[in-house]
Amino acid sequence: MTSNIVVEPTGSKELGTCSCCGRASRRVWGQAHSDGKTLAAYFVHWTVGHVPDQGANIDVIIGNWGEGTAPDERKAVALAYRLLDSGPSMMVIDADTRPFSSSELVGQALYRDDVIGSPIAQDVFALADAILQQDDRIAELLGRQLN
């Protein structure tokens, strides 16, 4: 995957207060592009104010996008994100455990074992790095507060 990934934030939603823990959660989403071509759609979900203790989820739909493409050309990959004392950490998890994997945009939800050690792993981690660096709405995931 190319290193000149450009992230385009497209939407967000405050998900309200959880009935079991009383905490608010947030979801943001967008697209990642390179050289005018859409590479992926992404969704980031976390509990506001609780990234250090609960982490976040970064969900990516990667593959071919645009006119003439079909869902079977796209794959769902899920990452569990943690903010450790040493910095950010991401781990591939089974995508079928995440709600986005049942979207009509997805052709196949990948399991952790499908991703680890494969070329798609490098692509997804490059996308996640770009999302973390460029989408200011998720500054909290890096331990920063929005101004």
C-alpha atoms as a PDB file:
ATOM      1  CA  MET A   1       0.000   0.000   0.000  1.00  0.00           C
ATOM      2  CA  THR A   2       1.141   3.469  -0.720  1.00  0.00           C
ATOM      3  CA  SER A   3       2.415   5.748   2.008  1.00  0.00           C
ATOM      4  CA  ASN A   4       0.524   8.801   0.740  1.00  0.00           C
ATOM      5  CA  ILE A   5      -2.808   7.918   2.330  1.00  0.00           C
ATOM      6  CA  VAL A   6      -5.238  10.809   2.758  1.00  0.00           C
ATOM      7  CA  VAL A   7      -7.992  10.421   5.330  1.00  0.00           C
ATOM      8  CA  GLU A   8     -11.396  11.999   4.703  1.00  0.00           C
ATOM      9  CA  PRO A   9     -13.603  12.206   7.820  1.00  0.00           C
ATOM     10  CA  THR A  10     -17.238  11.871   6.757  1.00  0.00           C
ATOM     11  CA  GLY A  11     -19.460  11.343   9.794  1.00  0.00           C
ATOM     12  CA  SER A  12     -19.830  10.895  13.517  1.00  0.00           C
ATOM     13  CA  LYS A  13     -22.401   9.889  16.064  1.00  0.00           C
ATOM     14  CA  GLU A  14     -22.688  10.282  19.803  1.00  0.00           C
ATOM     15  CA  LEU A  15     -24.120   6.944  20.866  1.00  0.00           C
ATOM     16  CA  GLY A  16     -25.535   8.112  24.166  1.00  0.00           C
ATOM     17  CA  THR A  17     -25.127   6.667  27.609  1.00  0.00           C
ATOM     18  CA  CYS A  18     -24.713   2.940  28.114  1.00  0.00           C
ATOM     19  CA  SER A  19     -27.447   1.476  30.337  1.00  0.00           C
ATOM     20  CA  CYS A  20     -25.001  -0.864  32.091  1.00  0.00           C
ATOM     21  CA  CYS A  21     -22.064   1.460  32.827  1.00  0.00           C
ATOM     22  CA  GLY A  22     -23.476   4.983  32.410  1.00  0.00           C
ATOM     23  CA  ARG A  23     -20.673   6.031  30.084  1.00  0.00           C
ATOM     24  CA  ALA A  24     -21.045   7.823  26.749  1.00  0.00           C
ATOM     25  CA  SER A  25     -19.577   6.366  23.595  1.00  0.00           C
ATOM     26  CA  ARG A  26     -18.748   7.853  20.219  1.00  0.00           C
ATOM     27  CA  ARG A  27     -18.338   6.541  16.675  1.00  0.00           C
ATOM     28  CA  VAL A  28     -16.657   8.372  13.813  1.00  0.00           C
ATOM     29  CA  TRP A  29     -16.181   7.230  10.250  1.00  0.00           C
ATOM     30  CA  GLY A  30     -14.624   8.209   6.988  1.00  0.00           C
ATOM     31  CA  GLN A  31     -12.704   7.071   3.951  1.00  0.00           C
ATOM     32  CA  ALA A  32      -9.047   6.665   3.097  1.00  0.00           C
ATOM     33  CA  HIS A  33      -7.746   7.570  -0.354  1.00  0.00           C
ATOM     34  CA  SER A  34      -4.504   7.501  -2.293  1.00  0.00           C
ATOM     35  CA  ASP A  35      -3.855   9.111  -5.661  1.00  0.00           C
ATOM     36  CA  GLY A  36      -7.567   9.789  -6.132  1.00  0.00           C
ATOM     37  CA  LYS A  37      -8.547   6.170  -5.453  1.00  0.00           C
ATOM     38  CA  THR A  38     -10.609   5.103  -2.441  1.00  0.00           C
ATOM     39  CA  LEU A  39      -8.753   2.415  -0.489  1.00  0.00           C
ATOM     40  CA  ALA A  40     -11.066   1.853   2.458  1.00  0.00           C
ATOM     41  CA  ALA A  41     -13.880   2.988   4.679  1.00  0.00           C
ATOM     42  CA  TYR A  42     -13.227   3.127   8.411  1.00  0.00           C
ATOM     43  CA  PHE A  43     -15.143   3.302  11.676  1.00  0.00           C
ATOM     44  CA  VAL A  44     -13.664   4.117  15.092  1.00  0.00           C
ATOM     45  CA  HIS A  45     -15.657   3.438  18.267  1.00  0.00           C
ATOM     46  CA  TRP A  46     -14.699   4.241  21.863  1.00  0.00           C
ATOM     47  CA  THR A  47     -16.045   5.170  25.288  1.00  0.00           C
ATOM     48  CA  VAL A  48     -15.429   8.867  25.860  1.00  0.00           C
ATOM     49  CA  GLY A  49     -12.886   9.511  28.597  1.00  0.00           C
ATOM     50  CA  HIS A  50     -12.036   5.826  28.989  1.00  0.00           C
ATOM     51  CA  VAL A  51      -9.526   5.029  26.236  1.00  0.00           C
ATOM     52  CA  PRO A  52      -6.708   4.215  28.708  1.00  0.00           C
ATOM     53  CA  ASP A  53      -8.795   1.596  30.519  1.00  0.00           C
ATOM     54  CA  GLN A  54     -11.122   0.349  27.758  1.00  0.00           C
ATOM     55  CA  GLY A  55      -9.335   1.059  24.489  1.00  0.00           C
ATOM     56  CA  ALA A  56     -11.179   1.476  21.211  1.00  0.00           C
ATOM     57  CA  ASN A  57     -12.059  -0.391  18.041  1.00  0.00           C
ATOM     58  CA  ILE A  58     -10.829   0.528  14.580  1.00  0.00           C
ATOM     59  CA  ASP A  59     -12.854  -1.233  11.897  1.00  0.00           C
ATOM     60  CA  VAL A  60     -11.776  -1.112   8.257  1.00  0.00           C
ATOM     61  CA  ILE A  61     -13.498  -2.163   5.037  1.00  0.00           C
ATOM     62  CA  ILE A  62     -10.686  -2.513   2.539  1.00  0.00           C
ATOM     63  CA  GLY A  63     -10.831  -3.319  -1.162  1.00  0.00           C
ATOM     64  CA  ASN A  64     -12.165  -1.931  -4.413  1.00  0.00           C
ATOM     65  CA  TRP A  65     -14.608   0.979  -4.266  1.00  0.00           C
ATOM     66  CA  GLY A  66     -16.509   3.021  -6.803  1.00  0.00           C
ATOM     67  CA  GLU A  67     -18.683   2.498  -9.810  1.00  0.00           C
ATOM     68  CA  GLY A  68     -18.685  -1.052 -11.107  1.00  0.00           C
ATOM     69  CA  THR A  69     -17.402  -2.603  -7.871  1.00  0.00           C
ATOM     70  CA  ALA A  70     -19.243  -5.071  -5.664  1.00  0.00           C
ATOM     71  CA  PRO A  71     -19.156  -5.987  -1.977  1.00  0.00           C
ATOM     72  CA  ASP A  72     -17.354  -9.264  -2.727  1.00  0.00           C
ATOM     73  CA  GLU A  73     -14.338  -7.101  -3.631  1.00  0.00           C
ATOM     74  CA  ARG A  74     -14.123  -5.749  -0.061  1.00  0.00           C
ATOM     75  CA  LYS A  75     -13.057  -7.305   3.219  1.00  0.00           C
ATOM     76  CA  ALA A  76     -13.752  -6.354   6.831  1.00  0.00           C
ATOM     77  CA  VAL A  77     -10.764  -6.211   9.197  1.00  0.00           C
ATOM     78  CA  ALA A  78     -11.091  -5.299  12.878  1.00  0.00           C
ATOM     79  CA  LEU A  79      -8.419  -3.914  15.186  1.00  0.00           C
ATOM     80  CA  ALA A  80      -8.524  -3.647  18.962  1.00  0.00           C
ATOM     81  CA  TYR A  81      -6.731  -0.443  19.942  1.00  0.00           C
ATOM     82  CA  ARG A  82      -5.066   0.201  23.299  1.00  0.00           C
ATOM     83  CA  LEU A  83      -3.213   3.244  24.594  1.00  0.00           C
ATOM     84  CA  LEU A  84      -0.371   1.890  26.721  1.00  0.00           C
ATOM     85  CA  ASP A  85       2.228   3.773  28.758  1.00  0.00           C
ATOM     86  CA  SER A  86       4.634   3.015  25.903  1.00  0.00           C
ATOM     87  CA  GLY A  87       2.223   4.383  23.280  1.00  0.00           C
ATOM     88  CA  PRO A  88      -0.529   3.120  20.962  1.00  0.00           C
ATOM     89  CA  SER A  89      -0.927  -0.594  20.322  1.00  0.00           C
ATOM     90  CA  MET A  90      -3.181  -2.354  17.822  1.00  0.00           C
ATOM     91  CA  MET A  91      -4.096  -6.016  17.516  1.00  0.00           C
ATOM     92  CA  VAL A  92      -6.095  -7.740  14.798  1.00  0.00           C
ATOM     93  CA  ILE A  93      -9.247  -9.422  16.108  1.00  0.00           C
ATOM     94  CA  ASP A  94     -11.895 -11.501  14.323  1.00  0.00           C
ATOM     95  CA  ALA A  95     -13.968  -9.039  12.288  1.00  0.00           C
ATOM     96  CA  ASP A  96     -17.158 -11.070  12.628  1.00  0.00           C
ATOM     97  CA  THR A  97     -17.292 -10.011  16.299  1.00  0.00           C
ATOM     98  CA  ARG A  98     -17.891  -6.399  15.233  1.00  0.00           C
ATOM     99  CA  PRO A  99     -21.235  -5.010  13.964  1.00  0.00           C
ATOM    100  CA  PHE A 100     -19.725  -3.394  10.833  1.00  0.00           C
ATOM    101  CA  SER A 101     -18.838  -6.812   9.415  1.00  0.00           C
ATOM    102  CA  SER A 102     -22.489  -7.498   8.556  1.00  0.00           C
ATOM    103  CA  SER A 103     -22.764  -4.331   6.445  1.00  0.00           C
ATOM    104  CA  GLU A 104     -23.961  -4.715   2.881  1.00  0.00           C
ATOM    105  CA  LEU A 105     -20.665  -3.060   1.882  1.00  0.00           C
ATOM    106  CA  VAL A 106     -18.660  -6.096   3.094  1.00  0.00           C
ATOM    107  CA  GLY A 107     -18.052  -9.226   1.054  1.00  0.00           C
ATOM    108  CA  GLN A 108     -16.052 -11.137   3.667  1.00  0.00           C
ATOM    109  CA  ALA A 109     -15.278 -10.624   7.344  1.00  0.00           C
ATOM    110  CA  LEU A 110     -11.716 -11.764   7.989  1.00  0.00           C
ATOM    111  CA  TYR A 111     -10.587 -13.707  11.016  1.00  0.00           C
ATOM    112  CA  ARG A 112      -7.408 -12.772  12.851  1.00  0.00           C
ATOM    113  CA  ASP A 113      -5.642 -15.812  11.370  1.00  0.00           C
ATOM    114  CA  ASP A 114      -6.593 -14.670   7.835  1.00  0.00           C
ATOM    115  CA  VAL A 115      -4.857 -11.334   8.400  1.00  0.00           C
ATOM    116  CA  ILE A 116      -1.740 -11.981  10.495  1.00  0.00           C
ATOM    117  CA  GLY A 117       1.320 -12.481   8.279  1.00  0.00           C
ATOM    118  CA  SER A 118      -0.558 -11.630   5.077  1.00  0.00           C
ATOM    119  CA  PRO A 119      -0.114  -8.597   2.814  1.00  0.00           C
ATOM    120  CA  ILE A 120      -3.484  -7.203   3.951  1.00  0.00           C
ATOM    121  CA  ALA A 121      -2.073  -6.851   7.488  1.00  0.00           C
ATOM    122  CA  GLN A 122       0.496  -4.283   6.334  1.00  0.00           C
ATOM    123  CA  ASP A 123      -2.197  -2.413   4.416  1.00  0.00           C
ATOM    124  CA  VAL A 124      -4.596  -2.294   7.357  1.00  0.00           C
ATOM    125  CA  PHE A 125      -1.937  -1.140   9.822  1.00  0.00           C
ATOM    126  CA  ALA A 126      -0.833   1.575   7.366  1.00  0.00           C
ATOM    127  CA  LEU A 127      -4.468   2.701   7.090  1.00  0.00           C
ATOM    128  CA  ALA A 128      -4.923   2.683  10.873  1.00  0.00           C
ATOM    129  CA  ASP A 129      -1.737   4.728  11.339  1.00  0.00           C
ATOM    130  CA  ALA A 130      -2.982   7.288   8.801  1.00  0.00           C
ATOM    131  CA  ILE A 131      -6.390   7.451  10.497  1.00  0.00           C
ATOM    132  CA  LEU A 132      -4.794   8.031  13.908  1.00  0.00           C
ATOM    133  CA  GLN A 133      -2.515  10.744  12.522  1.00  0.00           C
ATOM    134  CA  GLN A 134      -5.019  12.602  10.356  1.00  0.00           C
ATOM    135  CA  ASP A 135      -8.496  12.330  11.892  1.00  0.00           C
ATOM    136  CA  ASP A 136      -8.493  15.003  14.625  1.00  0.00           C
ATOM    137  CA  ARG A 137     -11.846  13.753  15.945  1.00  0.00           C
ATOM    138  CA  ILE A 138     -10.044  10.797  17.538  1.00  0.00           C
ATOM    139  CA  ALA A 139      -7.299  12.812  19.276  1.00  0.00           C
ATOM    140  CA  GLU A 140      -8.405  11.232  22.560  1.00  0.00           C
ATOM    141  CA  LEU A 141      -7.133   7.858  21.323  1.00  0.00           C
ATOM    142  CA  LEU A 142      -3.613   9.276  21.318  1.00  0.00           C
ATOM    143  CA  GLY A 143      -3.999  10.835  24.762  1.00  0.00           C
ATOM    144  CA  ARG A 144      -4.682  14.312  23.370  1.00  0.00           C
ATOM    145  CA  GLN A 145      -7.703  16.457  24.017  1.00  0.00           C
ATOM    146  CA  LEU A 146      -9.529  18.415  21.337  1.00  0.00           C
ATOM    147  CA  ASN A 147      -9.258  22.185  21.576  1.00  0.00           C
END
